[in-house]
Amino acid sequence: MMRRSRGGRPRKEGPRHPSGQLVQKVEPNAKVVALRRALLGEAPSARLADAEDPMRLALARGWISEAQHRGGLLYAGAWRRSHLQHRTPGLTETSEPAARDLRRVSEMSDAEIAAAFEAVLCSAESRGPPSDAERADARLRYNTMSRAMTAEEQNEVFLCFCLASWPQWILQRCAGRFDTSWERKHRLLVSGLETLAGIRPYRRAAS
């Protein structure tokens, strides 16, 4: 004789993964959210995710331009493609639900779409290990861009974009101090990025 099931706990409602597992809702850390909002200040179009990276934060607050930011990304991408032991910049972190950009592509500006694609294309992880020819091309681009800047400019761009370091001038500016000695580093960075922004994209000659 078949025994009847006693039922057990009722099935929870909510969205589920294709496997049937319930999607877990992870509440964002309140302290982290508060800190990121403080870093972003009154930036009108900034998102919480922009506070995870120093140069995205600088862009959101208007301290570097979109063209300068794009030049820095391309420089860092060339460095990572030519230096395989340094393929992941800075610390990685799983984005919190509140920090994710859930907009559709149609809701983004052209500049935001271009920046998103460039960030993906500059990521070595998204493209797999480069071939010897691709690595040589990246090395040529990196060396060409480096030589176009002064040594001090190159150092600031390298620290901020290749290593994703947080410069002191950003922290000082977020605290409302725009007249510290660290401003010299900001001027060097902007000068170097302006040079990179003016360099025509390198195209590998057809073999």
Protein backbone atom coordinates (compact mmCIF):
# COMPACT_ATOMS: atom_id res chain seq x y z
CA MET A 1 0.00 0.00 0.00
CA MET A 2 1.42 3.43 -1.02
CA ARG A 3 1.94 5.81 1.86
CA ARG A 4 0.75 9.36 1.38
CA SER A 5 3.26 12.14 1.66
CA ARG A 6 2.85 14.49 4.57
CA GLY A 7 3.64 17.41 2.29
CA GLY A 8 6.67 19.05 3.93
CA ARG A 9 7.42 22.76 3.69
CA PRO A 10 5.46 24.75 1.08
CA ARG A 11 7.32 25.79 -2.07
CA LYS A 12 8.67 29.32 -1.81
CA GLU A 13 7.52 31.86 -4.34
CA GLY A 14 9.90 33.93 -6.44
CA PRO A 15 12.12 33.85 -9.54
CA ARG A 16 14.15 30.72 -10.11
CA HIS A 17 17.27 29.69 -12.03
CA PRO A 18 16.87 27.30 -15.03
CA SER A 19 17.84 24.47 -12.63
CA GLY A 20 14.80 25.28 -10.51
CA GLN A 21 16.82 26.71 -7.60
CA LEU A 22 15.32 29.80 -6.04
CA VAL A 23 17.21 33.02 -6.81
CA GLN A 24 18.66 34.22 -3.54
CA LYS A 25 18.23 37.92 -2.82
CA VAL A 26 21.41 39.34 -1.32
CA GLU A 27 20.86 42.63 0.43
CA PRO A 28 23.65 45.16 -0.19
CA ASN A 29 25.96 46.04 2.67
CA ALA A 30 24.61 49.31 4.04
CA LYS A 31 28.04 50.62 5.04
CA VAL A 32 29.52 49.89 1.61
CA VAL A 33 26.59 51.60 -0.13
CA ALA A 34 26.93 54.65 2.14
CA LEU A 35 30.66 54.88 1.43
CA ARG A 36 30.13 54.64 -2.32
CA ARG A 37 27.44 57.30 -2.22
CA ALA A 38 29.81 59.56 -0.30
CA LEU A 39 32.53 59.02 -2.92
CA LEU A 40 30.11 59.79 -5.75
CA GLY A 41 28.88 62.98 -4.11
CA GLU A 42 26.35 64.87 -6.23
CA ALA A 43 27.44 63.42 -9.59
CA PRO A 44 24.13 63.53 -11.55
CA SER A 45 24.53 60.44 -13.75
CA ALA A 46 26.72 58.32 -11.48
CA ARG A 47 25.85 54.77 -10.41
CA LEU A 48 27.03 52.99 -7.28
CA ALA A 49 29.17 50.70 -9.43
CA ASP A 50 31.18 53.73 -10.57
CA ALA A 51 32.64 54.00 -7.06
CA GLU A 52 34.25 50.56 -7.35
CA ASP A 53 36.98 51.77 -9.70
CA PRO A 54 39.02 54.97 -9.22
CA MET A 55 38.98 56.08 -12.84
CA ARG A 56 35.29 55.34 -13.34
CA LEU A 57 34.69 57.45 -10.26
CA ALA A 58 36.89 60.23 -11.66
CA LEU A 59 34.91 60.07 -14.91
CA ALA A 60 31.55 60.13 -13.12
CA ARG A 61 32.58 63.21 -11.14
CA GLY A 62 33.91 65.03 -14.18
CA TRP A 63 37.56 64.96 -13.13
CA ILE A 64 38.59 63.28 -16.38
CA SER A 65 36.74 63.32 -19.70
CA GLU A 66 35.24 60.41 -21.60
CA ALA A 67 37.95 60.67 -24.27
CA GLN A 68 40.65 60.65 -21.59
CA HIS A 69 39.08 57.66 -19.86
CA ARG A 70 38.84 55.82 -23.16
CA GLY A 71 42.52 56.48 -23.87
CA GLY A 72 43.46 55.13 -20.46
CA LEU A 73 41.42 51.96 -21.00
CA LEU A 74 43.09 51.32 -24.34
CA TYR A 75 46.51 51.85 -22.78
CA ALA A 76 45.76 49.43 -19.95
CA GLY A 77 44.33 46.91 -22.42
CA ALA A 78 47.51 46.97 -24.50
CA TRP A 79 49.59 46.49 -21.36
CA ARG A 80 47.57 43.49 -20.20
CA ARG A 81 47.61 41.85 -23.64
CA SER A 82 51.39 42.15 -23.77
CA HIS A 83 52.00 41.14 -20.14
CA LEU A 84 50.09 37.92 -19.56
CA GLN A 85 51.12 37.66 -15.90
CA HIS A 86 49.16 40.86 -15.21
CA ARG A 87 45.85 40.09 -16.91
CA THR A 88 43.57 41.06 -14.03
CA PRO A 89 43.86 44.68 -12.79
CA GLY A 90 43.26 45.50 -9.16
CA LEU A 91 40.91 43.61 -6.88
CA THR A 92 37.83 41.87 -8.21
CA GLU A 93 34.50 41.97 -6.45
CA THR A 94 31.08 40.60 -7.12
CA SER A 95 28.77 43.52 -7.81
CA GLU A 96 26.03 44.04 -5.30
CA PRO A 97 22.47 44.00 -6.62
CA ALA A 98 22.03 47.69 -5.81
CA ALA A 99 25.22 48.56 -7.65
CA ARG A 100 24.45 46.77 -10.89
CA ASP A 101 23.32 48.65 -13.96
CA LEU A 102 20.05 46.95 -14.88
CA ARG A 103 19.20 49.27 -17.76
CA ARG A 104 18.65 47.98 -21.27
CA VAL A 105 21.09 49.00 -23.97
CA SER A 106 18.41 51.23 -25.49
CA GLU A 107 18.38 53.25 -22.26
CA MET A 108 22.13 53.99 -22.35
CA SER A 109 23.85 56.87 -24.07
CA ASP A 110 26.24 56.27 -26.98
CA ALA A 111 29.19 57.10 -24.73
CA GLU A 112 28.07 54.57 -22.10
CA ILE A 113 27.63 51.84 -24.70
CA ALA A 114 31.05 52.56 -26.21
CA ALA A 115 32.69 52.53 -22.77
CA ALA A 116 31.03 49.21 -21.92
CA PHE A 117 32.21 47.57 -25.13
CA GLU A 118 35.72 48.95 -24.72
CA ALA A 119 35.91 47.67 -21.16
CA VAL A 120 35.01 44.19 -22.41
CA LEU A 121 37.35 44.32 -25.39
CA CYS A 122 40.21 45.52 -23.20
CA SER A 123 39.67 42.57 -20.89
CA ALA A 124 42.05 39.75 -21.71
CA GLU A 125 39.80 37.31 -19.87
CA SER A 126 36.98 37.89 -22.36
CA ARG A 127 39.17 37.11 -25.36
CA GLY A 128 41.35 34.27 -24.13
CA PRO A 129 45.15 34.05 -24.34
CA PRO A 130 46.54 36.19 -27.20
CA SER A 131 48.53 34.67 -30.02
CA ASP A 132 52.20 35.56 -30.45
CA ALA A 133 51.25 38.05 -33.19
CA GLU A 134 48.54 39.66 -31.05
CA ARG A 135 50.91 39.91 -28.13
CA ALA A 136 53.53 41.57 -30.34
CA ASP A 137 50.92 44.03 -31.64
CA ALA A 138 49.85 44.86 -28.11
CA ARG A 139 53.45 45.37 -27.09
CA LEU A 140 53.97 47.75 -30.01
CA ARG A 141 50.84 49.73 -29.08
CA TYR A 142 51.87 49.89 -25.45
CA ASN A 143 55.40 51.04 -26.25
CA THR A 144 54.16 53.61 -28.78
CA MET A 145 51.69 55.10 -26.32
CA SER A 146 54.25 55.07 -23.49
CA ARG A 147 56.83 56.94 -25.56
CA ALA A 148 54.27 59.61 -26.45
CA MET A 149 54.04 60.62 -22.76
CA THR A 150 56.63 61.98 -20.40
CA ALA A 151 57.98 59.58 -17.79
CA GLU A 152 55.91 61.23 -15.03
CA GLU A 153 52.73 61.17 -17.12
CA GLN A 154 53.26 57.54 -18.04
CA ASN A 155 53.77 56.63 -14.40
CA GLU A 156 50.46 58.22 -13.33
CA VAL A 157 48.50 56.64 -16.18
CA PHE A 158 50.08 53.26 -15.44
CA LEU A 159 49.24 53.43 -11.73
CA CYS A 160 45.66 54.61 -12.24
CA PHE A 161 44.62 52.47 -15.22
CA CYS A 162 46.92 49.45 -15.40
CA LEU A 163 47.12 48.86 -11.64
CA ALA A 164 43.76 50.49 -10.75
CA SER A 165 45.41 52.28 -7.82
CA TRP A 166 43.46 54.87 -5.87
CA PRO A 167 45.39 58.16 -6.13
CA GLN A 168 45.46 60.49 -3.16
CA TRP A 169 43.99 63.37 -5.14
CA ILE A 170 40.74 61.44 -5.61
CA LEU A 171 40.39 60.83 -1.89
CA GLN A 172 41.25 64.45 -1.15
CA ARG A 173 38.76 65.75 -3.71
CA CYS A 174 36.01 63.47 -2.38
CA ALA A 175 36.64 65.11 0.99
CA GLY A 176 36.23 68.55 -0.62
CA ARG A 177 39.91 69.45 -0.75
CA PHE A 178 40.98 70.62 -4.22
CA ASP A 179 44.09 72.60 -3.30
CA THR A 180 46.43 69.94 -1.91
CA SER A 181 49.89 69.09 -3.24
CA TRP A 182 48.38 65.91 -4.71
CA GLU A 183 46.75 68.00 -7.45
CA ARG A 184 50.06 67.86 -9.32
CA LYS A 185 49.48 64.11 -9.81
CA HIS A 186 46.04 64.85 -11.25
CA ARG A 187 47.50 67.33 -13.72
CA LEU A 188 50.10 64.78 -14.82
CA LEU A 189 47.41 62.14 -15.29
CA VAL A 190 45.17 64.43 -17.34
CA SER A 191 48.11 65.55 -19.46
CA GLY A 192 49.08 61.96 -20.19
CA LEU A 193 45.50 60.95 -20.97
CA GLU A 194 45.13 63.92 -23.31
CA THR A 195 48.15 62.63 -25.22
CA LEU A 196 46.67 59.13 -25.40
CA ALA A 197 43.30 60.48 -26.51
CA GLY A 198 44.99 62.21 -29.46
CA ILE A 199 46.76 59.08 -30.72
CA ARG A 200 45.09 57.49 -33.72
CA PRO A 201 44.06 53.85 -33.16
CA TYR A 202 46.82 51.46 -34.16
CA ARG A 203 45.95 49.05 -36.95
CA ARG A 204 48.06 45.95 -37.55
CA ALA A 205 49.27 45.68 -41.09
CA ALA A 206 47.80 42.82 -43.05
CA SER A 207 50.21 39.95 -43.48
